[in-house]
Protein backbone atom coordinates (compact mmCIF):
# COMPACT_ATOMS: atom_id res chain seq x y z
CA MET A 1 86.24 68.22 111.57
CA THR A 2 88.35 69.83 108.86
CA THR A 3 89.25 73.45 109.50
CA LEU A 4 90.14 75.67 106.54
CA LEU A 5 92.21 78.78 107.25
CA PHE A 6 91.71 81.09 104.28
CA VAL A 7 94.41 83.76 103.89
CA ARG A 8 94.44 86.42 101.22
CA HIS A 9 97.91 87.26 99.91
CA GLY A 10 99.75 90.30 101.25
CA ALA A 11 99.77 93.71 99.59
CA THR A 12 101.25 94.28 96.14
CA GLU A 13 101.93 97.48 94.25
CA ALA A 14 98.88 96.72 92.12
CA ASN A 15 96.74 96.77 95.28
CA ASN A 16 98.14 100.19 96.13
CA ILE A 17 97.49 101.54 92.61
CA GLY A 18 94.14 99.79 92.22
CA TYR A 19 94.39 97.64 89.08
CA TRP A 20 93.39 94.04 88.37
CA GLN A 21 96.30 91.61 88.57
CA GLY A 22 94.69 88.32 87.59
CA TRP A 23 97.40 85.97 86.40
CA GLU A 24 100.10 88.65 86.40
CA ASP A 25 102.89 87.22 88.55
CA THR A 26 103.31 90.24 90.81
CA CYS A 27 105.40 90.37 94.00
CA LEU A 28 104.59 91.55 97.49
CA THR A 29 105.67 95.01 98.59
CA GLU A 30 107.64 95.49 101.80
CA THR A 31 104.31 96.03 103.53
CA GLY A 32 102.98 92.83 102.00
CA LEU A 33 105.99 90.85 103.20
CA ALA A 34 105.48 92.22 106.73
CA GLN A 35 101.80 91.28 106.53
CA ALA A 36 102.74 87.74 105.52
CA GLN A 37 105.01 87.44 108.54
CA ALA A 38 102.27 88.79 110.81
CA VAL A 39 99.64 86.30 109.65
CA ALA A 40 102.23 83.49 109.85
CA ARG A 41 102.94 84.32 113.49
CA ARG A 42 99.24 84.35 114.28
CA ILE A 43 98.53 81.03 112.63
CA ALA A 44 101.52 79.39 114.34
CA ARG A 45 100.32 80.75 117.69
CA GLU A 46 96.62 79.90 117.42
CA PHE A 47 96.39 76.84 115.15
CA ALA A 48 98.19 73.60 114.34
CA PRO A 49 97.85 73.13 110.57
CA VAL A 50 99.15 70.05 108.81
CA ALA A 51 99.58 71.60 105.35
CA VAL A 52 99.68 74.93 103.55
CA TYR A 53 98.05 75.08 100.12
CA SER A 54 98.72 78.09 97.94
CA SER A 55 97.86 79.57 94.61
CA SER A 56 100.84 79.06 92.34
CA LEU A 57 101.12 82.81 91.64
CA ARG A 58 104.12 84.51 93.24
CA ARG A 59 102.27 86.93 95.52
CA ALA A 60 100.38 84.03 97.10
CA LEU A 61 103.49 81.85 97.41
CA GLN A 62 105.38 84.72 99.06
CA THR A 63 102.57 84.90 101.62
CA ALA A 64 102.41 81.13 102.09
CA GLU A 65 106.14 80.56 102.55
CA PRO A 66 106.48 82.18 106.00
CA ILE A 67 103.30 80.40 107.14
CA ALA A 68 104.76 77.04 106.09
CA GLN A 69 108.04 77.87 107.81
CA ALA A 70 106.39 79.05 111.04
CA THR A 71 104.19 75.95 111.26
CA ALA A 72 106.70 73.41 109.87
CA CYS A 73 104.12 72.40 107.25
CA PRO A 74 104.62 71.32 103.65
CA LEU A 75 103.83 74.03 101.09
CA ILE A 76 101.67 72.72 98.25
CA PRO A 77 101.16 74.99 95.21
CA HIS A 78 97.82 74.51 93.44
CA ASP A 79 96.94 76.11 90.10
CA GLY A 80 93.24 75.78 90.91
CA LEU A 81 93.56 78.47 93.58
CA ARG A 82 94.76 81.16 91.17
CA GLU A 83 92.89 84.41 90.76
CA ILE A 84 90.48 84.70 87.82
CA HIS A 85 92.25 85.18 84.50
CA PHE A 86 91.31 88.70 83.38
CA GLY A 87 92.98 88.30 79.98
CA GLN A 88 93.26 91.65 78.16
CA VAL A 89 91.89 93.49 81.19
CA SER A 90 94.84 92.48 83.40
CA GLY A 91 96.79 95.57 84.39
CA LEU A 92 93.83 97.94 83.94
CA THR A 93 92.00 99.95 86.54
CA ILE A 94 88.20 99.91 86.56
CA ALA A 95 88.16 103.33 84.85
CA GLN A 96 90.50 102.10 82.10
CA PHE A 97 88.43 98.95 81.66
CA ARG A 98 85.26 101.03 81.21
CA GLU A 99 86.96 103.31 78.68
CA ARG A 100 88.52 100.56 76.55
CA PHE A 101 85.73 97.95 76.73
CA PRO A 102 82.49 99.92 77.26
CA GLY A 103 80.13 97.16 76.13
CA LEU A 104 81.98 94.55 78.13
CA PHE A 105 82.01 96.79 81.17
CA GLU A 106 78.21 96.99 81.14
CA ALA A 107 78.00 93.20 80.94
CA TRP A 108 80.48 92.89 83.83
CA THR A 109 78.25 94.97 86.12
CA ASP A 110 75.70 92.11 86.12
CA LYS A 111 77.46 90.02 88.76
CA THR A 112 74.81 87.28 88.54
CA ASN A 113 75.86 86.48 84.96
CA LEU A 114 78.17 83.50 85.39
CA ASP A 115 78.68 83.29 81.62
CA PHE A 116 80.44 86.67 81.58
CA HIS A 117 83.81 86.06 79.87
CA TRP A 118 86.92 88.19 80.24
CA PRO A 119 88.47 88.84 76.78
CA GLY A 120 91.35 86.42 76.38
CA GLY A 121 90.72 85.10 79.89
CA GLU A 122 88.18 83.01 81.79
CA SER A 123 84.44 83.05 82.19
CA ARG A 124 83.08 83.43 85.70
CA ARG A 125 81.58 79.95 85.46
CA ALA A 126 84.92 78.36 84.50
CA PHE A 127 86.65 80.27 87.29
CA PHE A 128 84.17 79.15 89.94
CA THR A 129 84.32 75.56 88.72
CA ARG A 130 88.12 75.61 88.92
CA VAL A 131 88.20 77.01 92.46
CA TRP A 132 85.42 74.73 93.69
CA GLY A 133 87.33 71.73 92.34
CA ALA A 134 90.43 72.83 94.25
CA VAL A 135 88.41 73.15 97.48
CA ASP A 136 86.93 69.67 96.99
CA GLU A 137 90.42 68.23 96.42
CA ILE A 138 91.75 69.81 99.61
CA LEU A 139 88.80 68.60 101.69
CA ALA A 140 89.12 65.09 100.25
CA ALA A 141 92.82 65.03 101.16
CA HIS A 142 92.06 66.01 104.78
CA PRO A 143 88.90 64.18 105.86
CA GLY A 144 89.90 63.75 109.50
CA ASP A 145 90.34 66.15 112.39
CA GLU A 146 92.86 68.37 110.58
CA THR A 147 93.53 72.04 109.95
CA VAL A 148 94.89 73.30 106.65
CA VAL A 149 95.87 76.75 105.38
CA VAL A 150 94.68 77.96 101.98
CA VAL A 151 96.49 81.04 100.64
CA ALA A 152 94.90 82.62 97.61
CA HIS A 153 93.36 85.81 96.20
CA GLY A 154 90.34 87.98 96.88
CA GLY A 155 88.39 86.53 93.98
CA SER A 156 89.26 82.87 94.53
CA LEU A 157 88.61 83.06 98.28
CA ARG A 158 85.24 84.73 97.71
CA ALA A 159 84.42 81.93 95.26
CA ALA A 160 85.45 79.31 97.84
CA LEU A 161 83.34 80.90 100.58
CA ALA A 162 80.32 81.18 98.28
CA TYR A 163 80.72 77.49 97.42
CA LEU A 164 81.02 76.31 101.01
CA LEU A 165 78.42 78.70 102.46
CA PRO A 166 76.01 79.57 99.64
CA GLU A 167 73.25 80.88 101.92
CA GLN A 168 75.61 83.34 103.64
CA PHE A 169 77.49 84.41 100.54
CA THR A 170 74.79 84.52 97.88
CA ASN A 171 76.11 87.94 96.80
CA TRP A 172 79.70 86.76 96.42
CA TRP A 173 80.77 90.13 95.02
CA ALA A 174 79.39 92.22 97.88
CA TYR A 175 81.96 91.58 100.60
CA ASP A 176 85.69 92.23 100.80
CA LEU A 177 88.77 90.45 102.08
CA ARG A 178 91.74 92.59 103.07
CA ASN A 179 95.30 91.71 102.20
CA ALA A 180 96.65 89.05 104.60
CA SER A 181 93.25 88.72 106.29
CA LEU A 182 92.26 85.46 107.96
CA SER A 183 88.91 83.71 107.47
CA VAL A 184 88.13 80.37 109.11
CA VAL A 185 85.62 77.73 108.01
CA ASP A 186 84.97 74.55 110.01
CA VAL A 187 83.60 71.58 108.06
CA VAL A 188 81.91 69.07 110.37
CA ALA A 189 80.47 65.94 108.76
CA GLY A 190 80.33 67.76 105.43
CA ALA A 191 78.54 70.81 106.88
CA PRO A 192 80.61 74.02 106.75
CA SER A 193 80.23 76.84 109.27
CA LEU A 194 81.94 80.22 109.36
CA ARG A 195 84.06 81.00 112.42
CA LEU A 196 85.95 84.11 111.21
CA LEU A 197 85.66 86.40 108.20
CA ASN A 198 88.25 88.95 107.08
CA ASP A 199 89.85 89.03 110.55
CA CYS A 200 92.83 91.40 110.61
CA ALA A 201 93.68 91.59 114.31
CA HIS A 202 97.26 90.53 113.50
CA LEU A 203 97.63 93.51 111.15
CA GLU A 204 96.84 96.28 113.60
CA ALA A 205 100.39 97.61 113.35
CA GLN A 206 100.49 97.22 109.56
CA PRO A 207 99.51 99.98 107.12
CA GLY A 208 96.24 99.36 105.25
CA THR A 209 96.05 98.79 101.52
CA ARG A 210 93.35 99.01 98.89
CA ALA A 211 91.65 95.67 98.51
CA THR A 212 91.75 95.15 94.74
């Protein structure tokens, strides 16, 4: 059995404001750093991972670093785990996006359209293919009875869960993952099953943030 511990990065100022970060290399806030420490302590206490994979964006790496330290695991950055590239929409709120790109905004509301393309960024299809490839690489590298941590973003983790559990996450856009939340997927003989989703028990003492 391979166990995947999916962790969304800690809070950033963009999460507090409510704008899309995409490939912007934003940093964690003080709250986000505390959240990263909290999830690191939980993982070290409850699991025995052999590796920590992380999106190569700074906010994910800042979340992954304390997990790697607490578990004495190697930290492996992976570009395939990055958030979707929003292109010209990076840094905009939903209201600003609607105002500046009205036609594009209407197309974006059809979440089933995988050919939707962010201006100057990625299409949904390319994004999903990239994330799914990263998940396949990680599973192939850990085929035995091992646990690995995957630190990434709301979008890329939703894509990973929809890939592994398509019947449960058909509407990949309809559920949320809080900052520094923990989701756990067990893969037994190639068959994934969900053990935890968006579990935040370790954050009870941490202030909440907007999940953007």
